[in-house]
Amino acid sequence: MRRLFFLLILVLALLGAALASVVWWRDQPLQIASTPAELTIARGTSARGVAEQLVSSGVMTVPSDLLYAWLRITGEGTRIKAGYYEFESGMTPQQVIDRLVKGEQSLHPLTIVEGWTFKQIRALLAQQPLQHDTADLSDVQIMEKLGRKGLAPEGRFFPDTYLFAKGSSELAVLKQSMEAMDRMLEAAWQQRDRATPLKTPEEALVLASIVEKETGMHTDRGRIAGVFVNRLRAGMLLQTDPTVIYGLGDEYDGRLRRRHLEADTPWNTYTRVGLPPTPIAMPGKESLLAAVQPEKTTSYYFVARGDGTSEFSDNLQQHNRAVNRFIRGRP
């Protein structure tokens, strides 16, 4: 009986020492050879699978069986969330597990710039550490996948910085941006000047995209929108170069020629009255608001001054003088 008692004491002492070792170990800084160590936990991965991945990735150096036992005993193995994670040297084992349990994924920024076209967005996506599930799809097919069959992609994605986990779907990123544009356009439309000649949010989006491409100066956006609204009301041609350039596509080489202005396309506002059939770029919030709240102005013309601002004119005679001064360099 005494021998059994001492054996029990020995076992309890060993268990206590093991527990103390674990408690000590979980708070010790890890030395990760390749930092940051990357780890992708797939949905449905078991606690044993997580333990094995932590060891094989170099995050942990203890046997995976011991790590699995720890996850089972603490119950943390059932609370680990799927996703992409990065770990750095100096983290403790407990901090590693806490990150997995909280689902604190490592996110990468992706910025869509105001005035970009969908072609530029696709080029950006191709350079990111994403799941390239749109690479073999046409623009039409992408919009179908996003649930917008028959809708052109231009202008549908809100310019902003988005955060995504490595390996995320390109379609998921596009959907997030598309839904952001839906919200921004609806919010702008609700704030519209009721006297606007624009009949639908779609027309507002088209005009906003033109305003976005015409100027980078926020102080000029409202007045430029006002010029185009005046022209729409008067039934005049909008005659805006960015729409012509968009219609040229890859044919545009950086220089707009007279023959381009005379070549009819659906987007050539020198040959067709009214707004073009689709947006020509991704407008930002300021351009959306300018389109629905255009400045009340008597101007029907404007020309770039060369410093980012625009010179506005009420009639063609004034406009021709402004063109001579700012474009041709004549007094």
C-alpha atoms as a PDB file:
ATOM      1  CA  MET A   1       0.000   0.000   0.000  1.00  0.00           C
ATOM      2  CA  ARG A   2       2.842   2.350   0.906  1.00  0.00           C
ATOM      3  CA  ARG A   3       4.545   1.570  -2.429  1.00  0.00           C
ATOM      4  CA  LEU A   4       1.312   2.407  -4.297  1.00  0.00           C
ATOM      5  CA  PHE A   5       1.021   5.654  -2.363  1.00  0.00           C
ATOM      6  CA  PHE A   6       4.547   6.707  -3.248  1.00  0.00           C
ATOM      7  CA  LEU A   7       3.916   5.741  -6.887  1.00  0.00           C
ATOM      8  CA  LEU A   8       0.834   7.931  -6.940  1.00  0.00           C
ATOM      9  CA  ILE A   9       2.800  10.806  -5.444  1.00  0.00           C
ATOM     10  CA  LEU A  10       5.476  10.336  -8.095  1.00  0.00           C
ATOM     11  CA  VAL A  11       2.909  10.376 -10.911  1.00  0.00           C
ATOM     12  CA  LEU A  12       1.272  13.516  -9.539  1.00  0.00           C
ATOM     13  CA  ALA A  13       4.677  15.177  -9.209  1.00  0.00           C
ATOM     14  CA  LEU A  14       5.536  14.313 -12.793  1.00  0.00           C
ATOM     15  CA  LEU A  15       2.191  15.615 -14.003  1.00  0.00           C
ATOM     16  CA  GLY A  16       2.699  18.791 -12.011  1.00  0.00           C
ATOM     17  CA  ALA A  17       6.149  19.256 -13.477  1.00  0.00           C
ATOM     18  CA  ALA A  18       4.795  18.648 -16.978  1.00  0.00           C
ATOM     19  CA  LEU A  19       2.000  21.148 -16.396  1.00  0.00           C
ATOM     20  CA  ALA A  20       4.468  23.699 -15.039  1.00  0.00           C
ATOM     21  CA  SER A  21       6.651  23.153 -18.112  1.00  0.00           C
ATOM     22  CA  VAL A  22       3.694  23.724 -20.414  1.00  0.00           C
ATOM     23  CA  VAL A  23       2.663  26.864 -18.547  1.00  0.00           C
ATOM     24  CA  TRP A  24       6.258  28.131 -18.776  1.00  0.00           C
ATOM     25  CA  TRP A  25       6.591  27.169 -22.448  1.00  0.00           C
ATOM     26  CA  ARG A  26       3.383  28.825 -23.648  1.00  0.00           C
ATOM     27  CA  ASP A  27       4.697  32.247 -22.575  1.00  0.00           C
ATOM     28  CA  GLN A  28       8.212  31.932 -24.036  1.00  0.00           C
ATOM     29  CA  PRO A  29       9.100  33.914 -27.201  1.00  0.00           C
ATOM     30  CA  LEU A  30       9.270  31.773 -30.329  1.00  0.00           C
ATOM     31  CA  GLN A  31      12.252  31.850 -32.647  1.00  0.00           C
ATOM     32  CA  ILE A  32      10.793  31.428 -36.133  1.00  0.00           C
ATOM     33  CA  ALA A  33      13.437  30.695 -38.776  1.00  0.00           C
ATOM     34  CA  SER A  34      11.556  32.190 -41.728  1.00  0.00           C
ATOM     35  CA  THR A  35       9.600  35.225 -40.607  1.00  0.00           C
ATOM     36  CA  PRO A  36       6.857  35.977 -41.081  1.00  0.00           C
ATOM     37  CA  ALA A  37       5.745  32.358 -41.169  1.00  0.00           C
ATOM     38  CA  GLU A  38       2.612  31.920 -43.273  1.00  0.00           C
ATOM     39  CA  LEU A  39      -0.213  29.591 -42.395  1.00  0.00           C
ATOM     40  CA  THR A  40      -3.537  29.007 -44.142  1.00  0.00           C
ATOM     41  CA  ILE A  41      -6.149  27.176 -42.112  1.00  0.00           C
ATOM     42  CA  ALA A  42      -8.794  25.702 -44.386  1.00  0.00           C
ATOM     43  CA  ARG A  43     -12.395  25.570 -43.259  1.00  0.00           C
ATOM     44  CA  GLY A  44     -13.076  22.321 -41.413  1.00  0.00           C
ATOM     45  CA  THR A  45      -9.436  21.656 -40.418  1.00  0.00           C
ATOM     46  CA  SER A  46      -9.292  19.549 -37.223  1.00  0.00           C
ATOM     47  CA  ALA A  47      -7.331  20.468 -34.102  1.00  0.00           C
ATOM     48  CA  ARG A  48      -4.790  17.769 -34.981  1.00  0.00           C
ATOM     49  CA  GLY A  49      -4.490  19.224 -38.489  1.00  0.00           C
ATOM     50  CA  VAL A  50      -3.873  22.686 -37.045  1.00  0.00           C
ATOM     51  CA  ALA A  51      -1.200  21.307 -34.715  1.00  0.00           C
ATOM     52  CA  GLU A  52       0.537  19.570 -37.611  1.00  0.00           C
ATOM     53  CA  GLN A  53       0.440  22.735 -39.736  1.00  0.00           C
ATOM     54  CA  LEU A  54       1.875  24.864 -36.920  1.00  0.00           C
ATOM     55  CA  VAL A  55       4.819  22.480 -36.637  1.00  0.00           C
ATOM     56  CA  SER A  56       5.401  21.888 -40.363  1.00  0.00           C
ATOM     57  CA  SER A  57       5.316  25.641 -41.069  1.00  0.00           C
ATOM     58  CA  GLY A  58       8.044  26.255 -38.486  1.00  0.00           C
ATOM     59  CA  VAL A  59       5.878  28.288 -36.128  1.00  0.00           C
ATOM     60  CA  MET A  60       6.124  25.708 -33.330  1.00  0.00           C
ATOM     61  CA  THR A  61       9.001  23.292 -32.645  1.00  0.00           C
ATOM     62  CA  VAL A  62       7.327  20.946 -30.152  1.00  0.00           C
ATOM     63  CA  PRO A  63       6.004  17.562 -31.324  1.00  0.00           C
ATOM     64  CA  SER A  64       2.617  17.969 -32.993  1.00  0.00           C
ATOM     65  CA  ASP A  65       1.104  15.304 -30.716  1.00  0.00           C
ATOM     66  CA  LEU A  66       1.931  17.391 -27.636  1.00  0.00           C
ATOM     67  CA  LEU A  67       0.579  20.526 -29.291  1.00  0.00           C
ATOM     68  CA  TYR A  68      -2.598  18.672 -30.228  1.00  0.00           C
ATOM     69  CA  ALA A  69      -2.983  17.474 -26.626  1.00  0.00           C
ATOM     70  CA  TRP A  70      -2.671  21.051 -25.409  1.00  0.00           C
ATOM     71  CA  LEU A  71      -5.353  22.219 -27.877  1.00  0.00           C
ATOM     72  CA  ARG A  72      -7.648  19.400 -26.730  1.00  0.00           C
ATOM     73  CA  ILE A  73      -7.140  19.993 -23.016  1.00  0.00           C
ATOM     74  CA  THR A  74      -7.686  23.757 -23.243  1.00  0.00           C
ATOM     75  CA  GLY A  75     -10.584  23.421 -25.681  1.00  0.00           C
ATOM     76  CA  GLU A  76      -8.989  25.994 -27.956  1.00  0.00           C
ATOM     77  CA  GLY A  77      -8.689  23.512 -30.821  1.00  0.00           C
ATOM     78  CA  THR A  78     -12.431  23.717 -31.479  1.00  0.00           C
ATOM     79  CA  ARG A  79     -12.458  27.527 -31.569  1.00  0.00           C
ATOM     80  CA  ILE A  80      -9.730  28.107 -34.176  1.00  0.00           C
ATOM     81  CA  LYS A  81     -11.010  30.013 -37.215  1.00  0.00           C
ATOM     82  CA  ALA A  82     -10.165  29.351 -40.840  1.00  0.00           C
ATOM     83  CA  GLY A  83      -8.124  31.951 -42.701  1.00  0.00           C
ATOM     84  CA  TYR A  84      -4.692  33.199 -43.666  1.00  0.00           C
ATOM     85  CA  TYR A  85      -2.276  34.061 -40.850  1.00  0.00           C
ATOM     86  CA  GLU A  86       1.255  35.355 -40.464  1.00  0.00           C
ATOM     87  CA  PHE A  87       3.444  34.904 -37.363  1.00  0.00           C
ATOM     88  CA  GLU A  88       6.628  36.690 -36.355  1.00  0.00           C
ATOM     89  CA  SER A  89       9.541  35.774 -34.117  1.00  0.00           C
ATOM     90  CA  GLY A  90       9.014  36.958 -30.566  1.00  0.00           C
ATOM     91  CA  MET A  91       5.408  35.847 -30.375  1.00  0.00           C
ATOM     92  CA  THR A  92       4.620  33.323 -27.666  1.00  0.00           C
ATOM     93  CA  PRO A  93       2.791  30.023 -28.323  1.00  0.00           C
ATOM     94  CA  GLN A  94      -0.203  31.398 -26.436  1.00  0.00           C
ATOM     95  CA  GLN A  95      -0.258  34.513 -28.620  1.00  0.00           C
ATOM     96  CA  VAL A  96      -0.155  32.306 -31.713  1.00  0.00           C
ATOM     97  CA  ILE A  97      -3.154  30.299 -30.541  1.00  0.00           C
ATOM     98  CA  ASP A  98      -4.995  33.448 -29.432  1.00  0.00           C
ATOM     99  CA  ARG A  99      -4.563  34.888 -32.933  1.00  0.00           C
ATOM    100  CA  LEU A 100      -6.029  31.734 -34.457  1.00  0.00           C
ATOM    101  CA  VAL A 101      -8.930  31.640 -32.017  1.00  0.00           C
ATOM    102  CA  LYS A 102      -9.766  35.325 -32.549  1.00  0.00           C
ATOM    103  CA  GLY A 103      -9.470  34.962 -36.308  1.00  0.00           C
ATOM    104  CA  GLU A 104      -6.998  37.842 -36.566  1.00  0.00           C
ATOM    105  CA  GLN A 105      -6.000  37.215 -40.165  1.00  0.00           C
ATOM    106  CA  SER A 106      -3.165  39.030 -41.901  1.00  0.00           C
ATOM    107  CA  LEU A 107      -4.756  41.431 -44.372  1.00  0.00           C
ATOM    108  CA  HIS A 108      -3.223  43.092 -47.416  1.00  0.00           C
ATOM    109  CA  PRO A 109      -4.349  46.491 -48.748  1.00  0.00           C
ATOM    110  CA  LEU A 110      -5.601  46.955 -52.295  1.00  0.00           C
ATOM    111  CA  THR A 111      -6.301  50.472 -53.538  1.00  0.00           C
ATOM    112  CA  ILE A 112      -8.601  51.294 -56.441  1.00  0.00           C
ATOM    113  CA  VAL A 113      -7.782  54.820 -57.594  1.00  0.00           C
ATOM    114  CA  GLU A 114     -10.402  57.401 -58.535  1.00  0.00           C
ATOM    115  CA  GLY A 115     -10.679  57.672 -62.308  1.00  0.00           C
ATOM    116  CA  TRP A 116      -9.376  54.180 -63.015  1.00  0.00           C
ATOM    117  CA  THR A 117     -11.027  52.015 -65.635  1.00  0.00           C
ATOM    118  CA  PHE A 118     -12.080  48.414 -65.163  1.00  0.00           C
ATOM    119  CA  LYS A 119      -9.131  47.375 -67.320  1.00  0.00           C
ATOM    120  CA  GLN A 120      -6.770  48.979 -64.804  1.00  0.00           C
ATOM    121  CA  ILE A 121      -8.548  47.275 -61.909  1.00  0.00           C
ATOM    122  CA  ARG A 122      -8.156  43.885 -63.568  1.00  0.00           C
ATOM    123  CA  ALA A 123      -4.440  44.545 -64.071  1.00  0.00           C
ATOM    124  CA  LEU A 124      -4.119  45.432 -60.368  1.00  0.00           C
ATOM    125  CA  LEU A 125      -5.916  42.267 -59.261  1.00  0.00           C
ATOM    126  CA  ALA A 126      -3.593  40.140 -61.379  1.00  0.00           C
ATOM    127  CA  GLN A 127      -0.615  41.454 -59.382  1.00  0.00           C
ATOM    128  CA  GLN A 128      -2.074  40.642 -55.953  1.00  0.00           C
ATOM    129  CA  PRO A 129      -1.656  37.429 -53.890  1.00  0.00           C
ATOM    130  CA  LEU A 130      -5.249  36.483 -54.651  1.00  0.00           C
ATOM    131  CA  GLN A 131      -7.086  33.495 -56.025  1.00  0.00           C
ATOM    132  CA  HIS A 132      -7.196  34.564 -59.665  1.00  0.00           C
ATOM    133  CA  ASP A 133     -10.657  33.275 -60.441  1.00  0.00           C
ATOM    134  CA  THR A 134     -11.360  36.023 -62.993  1.00  0.00           C
ATOM    135  CA  ALA A 135      -8.199  35.575 -65.063  1.00  0.00           C
ATOM    136  CA  ASP A 136      -9.910  33.475 -67.748  1.00  0.00           C
ATOM    137  CA  LEU A 137     -13.211  35.349 -67.649  1.00  0.00           C
ATOM    138  CA  SER A 138     -14.349  38.122 -69.956  1.00  0.00           C
ATOM    139  CA  ASP A 139     -15.762  41.358 -68.538  1.00  0.00           C
ATOM    140  CA  VAL A 140     -19.235  40.090 -69.415  1.00  0.00           C
ATOM    141  CA  GLN A 141     -18.656  36.817 -67.583  1.00  0.00           C
ATOM    142  CA  ILE A 142     -17.303  38.615 -64.519  1.00  0.00           C
ATOM    143  CA  MET A 143     -20.443  40.722 -64.254  1.00  0.00           C
ATOM    144  CA  GLU A 144     -22.549  37.583 -64.605  1.00  0.00           C
ATOM    145  CA  LYS A 145     -20.611  35.969 -61.748  1.00  0.00           C
ATOM    146  CA  LEU A 146     -21.258  39.089 -59.656  1.00  0.00           C
ATOM    147  CA  GLY A 147     -24.981  38.852 -60.329  1.00  0.00           C
ATOM    148  CA  ARG A 148     -25.131  41.837 -62.707  1.00  0.00           C
ATOM    149  CA  LYS A 149     -25.751  40.090 -66.009  1.00  0.00           C
ATOM    150  CA  GLY A 150     -25.958  42.490 -68.948  1.00  0.00           C
ATOM    151  CA  LEU A 151     -24.440  45.401 -67.013  1.00  0.00           C
ATOM    152  CA  ALA A 152     -21.166  46.973 -68.148  1.00  0.00           C
ATOM    153  CA  PRO A 153     -18.439  46.842 -65.452  1.00  0.00           C
ATOM    154  CA  GLU A 154     -17.196  50.381 -66.023  1.00  0.00           C
ATOM    155  CA  GLY A 155     -17.972  52.696 -63.144  1.00  0.00           C
ATOM    156  CA  ARG A 156     -19.390  49.934 -60.930  1.00  0.00           C
ATOM    157  CA  PHE A 157     -16.533  49.661 -58.416  1.00  0.00           C
ATOM    158  CA  PHE A 158     -15.943  52.291 -55.765  1.00  0.00           C
ATOM    159  CA  PRO A 159     -12.420  53.732 -55.530  1.00  0.00           C
ATOM    160  CA  ASP A 160     -11.113  52.995 -52.037  1.00  0.00           C
ATOM    161  CA  THR A 161      -8.583  50.880 -50.137  1.00  0.00           C
ATOM    162  CA  TYR A 162      -9.797  47.367 -49.391  1.00  0.00           C
ATOM    163  CA  LEU A 163      -8.237  44.776 -47.081  1.00  0.00           C
ATOM    164  CA  PHE A 164      -8.106  41.135 -48.064  1.00  0.00           C
ATOM    165  CA  ALA A 165      -6.489  37.934 -46.872  1.00  0.00           C
ATOM    166  CA  LYS A 166      -3.922  36.218 -49.056  1.00  0.00           C
ATOM    167  CA  GLY A 167      -5.621  33.754 -51.358  1.00  0.00           C
ATOM    168  CA  SER A 168      -8.961  35.545 -51.271  1.00  0.00           C
ATOM    169  CA  SER A 169     -11.129  35.366 -54.364  1.00  0.00           C
ATOM    170  CA  GLU A 170     -10.804  38.195 -56.892  1.00  0.00           C
ATOM    171  CA  LEU A 171     -14.569  37.973 -57.293  1.00  0.00           C
ATOM    172  CA  ALA A 172     -14.988  38.510 -53.546  1.00  0.00           C
ATOM    173  CA  VAL A 173     -12.858  41.669 -53.677  1.00  0.00           C
ATOM    174  CA  LEU A 174     -14.788  42.955 -56.707  1.00  0.00           C
ATOM    175  CA  LYS A 175     -18.101  42.209 -55.007  1.00  0.00           C
ATOM    176  CA  GLN A 176     -17.034  44.209 -51.947  1.00  0.00           C
ATOM    177  CA  SER A 177     -16.086  47.173 -54.135  1.00  0.00           C
ATOM    178  CA  MET A 178     -19.222  46.880 -56.262  1.00  0.00           C
ATOM    179  CA  GLU A 179     -21.478  46.886 -53.215  1.00  0.00           C
ATOM    180  CA  ALA A 180     -19.608  49.931 -51.882  1.00  0.00           C
ATOM    181  CA  MET A 181     -20.372  51.774 -55.147  1.00  0.00           C
ATOM    182  CA  ASP A 182     -24.026  50.709 -54.882  1.00  0.00           C
ATOM    183  CA  ARG A 183     -24.211  52.311 -51.439  1.00  0.00           C
ATOM    184  CA  MET A 184     -22.347  55.482 -52.425  1.00  0.00           C
ATOM    185  CA  LEU A 185     -24.415  55.994 -55.575  1.00  0.00           C
ATOM    186  CA  GLU A 186     -27.695  55.465 -53.725  1.00  0.00           C
ATOM    187  CA  ALA A 187     -26.620  57.879 -50.970  1.00  0.00           C
ATOM    188  CA  ALA A 188     -25.652  60.512 -53.560  1.00  0.00           C
ATOM    189  CA  TRP A 189     -28.888  60.050 -55.497  1.00  0.00           C
ATOM    190  CA  GLN A 190     -30.918  60.614 -52.336  1.00  0.00           C
ATOM    191  CA  GLN A 191     -29.113  63.969 -51.938  1.00  0.00           C
ATOM    192  CA  ARG A 192     -29.691  65.078 -55.544  1.00  0.00           C
ATOM    193  CA  ASP A 193     -30.900  68.521 -56.548  1.00  0.00           C
ATOM    194  CA  ARG A 194     -34.511  67.847 -57.564  1.00  0.00           C
ATOM    195  CA  ALA A 195     -34.079  70.229 -60.503  1.00  0.00           C
ATOM    196  CA  THR A 196     -31.418  68.029 -62.085  1.00  0.00           C
ATOM    197  CA  PRO A 197     -32.166  66.828 -65.632  1.00  0.00           C
ATOM    198  CA  LEU A 198     -30.679  63.450 -64.697  1.00  0.00           C
ATOM    199  CA  LYS A 199     -33.482  60.920 -64.587  1.00  0.00           C
ATOM    200  CA  THR A 200     -31.831  57.914 -62.938  1.00  0.00           C
ATOM    201  CA  PRO A 201     -28.907  56.998 -60.661  1.00  0.00           C
ATOM    202  CA  GLU A 202     -27.391  55.369 -63.753  1.00  0.00           C
ATOM    203  CA  GLU A 203     -27.228  58.726 -65.535  1.00  0.00           C
ATOM    204  CA  ALA A 204     -25.708  60.268 -62.419  1.00  0.00           C
ATOM    205  CA  LEU A 205     -23.006  57.589 -62.419  1.00  0.00           C
ATOM    206  CA  VAL A 206     -22.187  58.285 -66.069  1.00  0.00           C
ATOM    207  CA  LEU A 207     -21.940  62.042 -65.508  1.00  0.00           C
ATOM    208  CA  ALA A 208     -19.880  61.532 -62.341  1.00  0.00           C
ATOM    209  CA  SER A 209     -17.380  59.425 -64.287  1.00  0.00           C
ATOM    210  CA  ILE A 210     -16.977  62.221 -66.848  1.00  0.00           C
ATOM    211  CA  VAL A 211     -16.473  64.804 -64.110  1.00  0.00           C
ATOM    212  CA  GLU A 212     -13.885  62.493 -62.505  1.00  0.00           C
ATOM    213  CA  LYS A 213     -11.850  62.322 -65.724  1.00  0.00           C
ATOM    214  CA  GLU A 214     -12.161  66.028 -66.497  1.00  0.00           C
ATOM    215  CA  THR A 215     -10.514  67.343 -63.343  1.00  0.00           C
ATOM    216  CA  GLY A 216      -8.622  66.345 -60.228  1.00  0.00           C
ATOM    217  CA  MET A 217      -9.495  69.633 -58.508  1.00  0.00           C
ATOM    218  CA  HIS A 218     -12.330  69.162 -56.043  1.00  0.00           C
ATOM    219  CA  THR A 219     -13.081  72.883 -56.198  1.00  0.00           C
ATOM    220  CA  ASP A 220     -13.898  72.645 -59.919  1.00  0.00           C
ATOM    221  CA  ARG A 221     -15.989  69.471 -59.918  1.00  0.00           C
ATOM    222  CA  GLY A 222     -19.318  71.113 -59.089  1.00  0.00           C
ATOM    223  CA  ARG A 223     -18.928  73.806 -61.732  1.00  0.00           C
ATOM    224  CA  ILE A 224     -17.815  71.325 -64.393  1.00  0.00           C
ATOM    225  CA  ALA A 225     -20.895  69.254 -63.606  1.00  0.00           C
ATOM    226  CA  GLY A 226     -22.903  72.481 -63.930  1.00  0.00           C
ATOM    227  CA  VAL A 227     -21.492  73.092 -67.409  1.00  0.00           C
ATOM    228  CA  PHE A 228     -22.498  69.627 -68.570  1.00  0.00           C
ATOM    229  CA  VAL A 229     -25.956  69.986 -67.014  1.00  0.00           C
ATOM    230  CA  ASN A 230     -26.393  73.293 -68.887  1.00  0.00           C
ATOM    231  CA  ARG A 231     -25.440  71.546 -72.117  1.00  0.00           C
ATOM    232  CA  LEU A 232     -27.798  68.661 -71.476  1.00  0.00           C
ATOM    233  CA  ARG A 233     -30.670  71.055 -70.864  1.00  0.00           C
ATOM    234  CA  ALA A 234     -29.865  72.986 -74.048  1.00  0.00           C
ATOM    235  CA  GLY A 235     -29.565  69.829 -76.152  1.00  0.00           C
ATOM    236  CA  MET A 236     -25.943  70.674 -76.955  1.00  0.00           C
ATOM    237  CA  LEU A 237     -23.170  68.171 -77.598  1.00  0.00           C
ATOM    238  CA  LEU A 238     -21.178  67.543 -74.403  1.00  0.00           C
ATOM    239  CA  GLN A 239     -17.928  67.518 -76.403  1.00  0.00           C
ATOM    240  CA  THR A 240     -15.774  66.066 -73.629  1.00  0.00           C
ATOM    241  CA  ASP A 241     -12.450  64.533 -74.671  1.00  0.00           C
ATOM    242  CA  PRO A 242     -12.311  61.772 -72.010  1.00  0.00           C
ATOM    243  CA  THR A 243     -15.368  60.080 -73.515  1.00  0.00           C
ATOM    244  CA  VAL A 244     -13.756  60.076 -76.950  1.00  0.00           C
ATOM    245  CA  ILE A 245     -10.556  58.627 -75.510  1.00  0.00           C
ATOM    246  CA  TYR A 246     -12.530  55.913 -73.746  1.00  0.00           C
ATOM    247  CA  GLY A 247     -14.294  55.002 -76.965  1.00  0.00           C
ATOM    248  CA  LEU A 248     -10.968  54.686 -78.788  1.00  0.00           C
ATOM    249  CA  GLY A 249      -9.772  52.007 -76.394  1.00  0.00           C
ATOM    250  CA  ASP A 250      -6.325  50.641 -77.238  1.00  0.00           C
ATOM    251  CA  GLU A 251      -6.216  52.825 -80.349  1.00  0.00           C
ATOM    252  CA  TYR A 252      -5.521  55.871 -78.191  1.00  0.00           C
ATOM    253  CA  ASP A 253      -1.763  56.495 -78.023  1.00  0.00           C
ATOM    254  CA  GLY A 254      -1.754  59.500 -75.712  1.00  0.00           C
ATOM    255  CA  ARG A 255      -2.536  62.088 -78.356  1.00  0.00           C
ATOM    256  CA  LEU A 256      -6.055  63.035 -79.374  1.00  0.00           C
ATOM    257  CA  ARG A 257      -6.336  64.037 -83.050  1.00  0.00           C
ATOM    258  CA  ARG A 258      -9.090  65.675 -85.056  1.00  0.00           C
ATOM    259  CA  ARG A 259      -9.848  62.408 -86.827  1.00  0.00           C
ATOM    260  CA  HIS A 260     -10.540  60.873 -83.440  1.00  0.00           C
ATOM    261  CA  LEU A 261     -13.079  63.580 -82.637  1.00  0.00           C
ATOM    262  CA  GLU A 262     -14.813  62.888 -85.946  1.00  0.00           C
ATOM    263  CA  ALA A 263     -14.772  59.081 -85.664  1.00  0.00           C
ATOM    264  CA  ASP A 264     -18.164  58.041 -84.341  1.00  0.00           C
ATOM    265  CA  THR A 265     -18.338  55.615 -81.403  1.00  0.00           C
ATOM    266  CA  PRO A 266     -21.078  55.224 -78.774  1.00  0.00           C
ATOM    267  CA  TRP A 267     -18.875  57.278 -76.419  1.00  0.00           C
ATOM    268  CA  ASN A 268     -17.989  60.095 -78.820  1.00  0.00           C
ATOM    269  CA  THR A 269     -19.764  63.119 -77.350  1.00  0.00           C
ATOM    270  CA  TYR A 270     -18.596  65.201 -80.338  1.00  0.00           C
ATOM    271  CA  THR A 271     -20.804  63.145 -82.651  1.00  0.00           C
ATOM    272  CA  ARG A 272     -23.627  62.063 -80.335  1.00  0.00           C
ATOM    273  CA  VAL A 273     -25.962  64.159 -78.213  1.00  0.00           C
ATOM    274  CA  GLY A 274     -26.454  63.378 -74.542  1.00  0.00           C
ATOM    275  CA  LEU A 275     -24.625  61.136 -72.108  1.00  0.00           C
ATOM    276  CA  PRO A 276     -22.628  58.138 -73.353  1.00  0.00           C
ATOM    277  CA  PRO A 277     -24.159  54.669 -72.819  1.00  0.00           C
ATOM    278  CA  THR A 278     -21.920  53.711 -69.887  1.00  0.00           C
ATOM    279  CA  PRO A 279     -19.607  55.358 -67.369  1.00  0.00           C
ATOM    280  CA  ILE A 280     -16.043  55.821 -68.578  1.00  0.00           C
ATOM    281  CA  ALA A 281     -14.231  55.359 -65.250  1.00  0.00           C
ATOM    282  CA  MET A 282     -14.685  54.796 -61.522  1.00  0.00           C
ATOM    283  CA  PRO A 283     -15.882  58.053 -59.919  1.00  0.00           C
ATOM    284  CA  GLY A 284     -15.142  58.905 -56.312  1.00  0.00           C
ATOM    285  CA  LYS A 285     -17.521  60.333 -53.724  1.00  0.00           C
ATOM    286  CA  GLU A 286     -16.855  63.994 -54.623  1.00  0.00           C
ATOM    287  CA  SER A 287     -17.609  63.420 -58.297  1.00  0.00           C
ATOM    288  CA  LEU A 288     -20.799  61.522 -57.449  1.00  0.00           C
ATOM    289  CA  LEU A 289     -22.000  64.416 -55.309  1.00  0.00           C
ATOM    290  CA  ALA A 290     -20.980  66.967 -57.962  1.00  0.00           C
ATOM    291  CA  ALA A 291     -23.037  65.116 -60.565  1.00  0.00           C
ATOM    292  CA  VAL A 292     -26.224  65.209 -58.468  1.00  0.00           C
ATOM    293  CA  GLN A 293     -25.581  68.633 -56.938  1.00  0.00           C
ATOM    294  CA  PRO A 294     -24.115  70.590 -59.865  1.00  0.00           C
ATOM    295  CA  GLU A 295     -23.126  74.166 -59.273  1.00  0.00           C
ATOM    296  CA  LYS A 296     -25.564  76.662 -60.729  1.00  0.00           C
ATOM    297  CA  THR A 297     -23.535  78.487 -63.359  1.00  0.00           C
ATOM    298  CA  THR A 298     -24.004  80.454 -66.564  1.00  0.00           C
ATOM    299  CA  SER A 299     -20.979  78.740 -68.125  1.00  0.00           C
ATOM    300  CA  TYR A 300     -21.267  76.393 -71.100  1.00  0.00           C
ATOM    301  CA  TYR A 301     -17.562  75.895 -71.736  1.00  0.00           C
ATOM    302  CA  PHE A 302     -14.336  75.234 -69.862  1.00  0.00           C
ATOM    303  CA  VAL A 303     -10.716  74.560 -70.737  1.00  0.00           C
ATOM    304  CA  ALA A 304      -7.802  73.297 -68.660  1.00  0.00           C
ATOM    305  CA  ARG A 305      -5.394  76.015 -67.551  1.00  0.00           C
ATOM    306  CA  GLY A 306      -2.488  73.600 -67.283  1.00  0.00           C
ATOM    307  CA  ASP A 307      -2.182  73.801 -63.499  1.00  0.00           C
ATOM    308  CA  GLY A 308      -5.017  71.412 -62.686  1.00  0.00           C
ATOM    309  CA  THR A 309      -7.704  74.089 -62.639  1.00  0.00           C
ATOM    310  CA  SER A 310     -10.139  75.089 -65.382  1.00  0.00           C
ATOM    311  CA  GLU A 311     -11.082  78.338 -67.094  1.00  0.00           C
ATOM    312  CA  PHE A 312     -14.858  78.701 -67.507  1.00  0.00           C
ATOM    313  CA  SER A 313     -16.642  80.679 -70.205  1.00  0.00           C
ATOM    314  CA  ASP A 314     -20.261  81.676 -70.765  1.00  0.00           C
ATOM    315  CA  ASN A 315     -20.106  81.779 -74.563  1.00  0.00           C
ATOM    316  CA  LEU A 316     -18.099  80.472 -77.478  1.00  0.00           C
ATOM    317  CA  GLN A 317     -16.257  83.749 -78.073  1.00  0.00           C
ATOM    318  CA  GLN A 318     -14.908  83.751 -74.509  1.00  0.00           C
ATOM    319  CA  HIS A 319     -14.078  80.072 -74.792  1.00  0.00           C
ATOM    320  CA  ASN A 320     -12.071  80.549 -77.996  1.00  0.00           C
ATOM    321  CA  ARG A 321     -10.022  83.262 -76.292  1.00  0.00           C
ATOM    322  CA  ALA A 322      -9.392  80.924 -73.359  1.00  0.00           C
ATOM    323  CA  VAL A 323      -8.315  78.127 -75.726  1.00  0.00           C
ATOM    324  CA  ASN A 324      -5.888  80.488 -77.494  1.00  0.00           C
ATOM    325  CA  ARG A 325      -4.424  81.539 -74.186  1.00  0.00           C
ATOM    326  CA  PHE A 326      -4.185  78.254 -72.308  1.00  0.00           C
ATOM    327  CA  ILE A 327      -3.844  75.693 -75.100  1.00  0.00           C
ATOM    328  CA  ARG A 328      -2.185  77.526 -77.985  1.00  0.00           C
ATOM    329  CA  GLY A 329      -0.167  79.916 -75.825  1.00  0.00           C
ATOM    330  CA  ARG A 330      -1.419  82.995 -77.618  1.00  0.00           C
ATOM    331  CA  PRO A 331      -2.283  86.233 -75.791  1.00  0.00           C
END
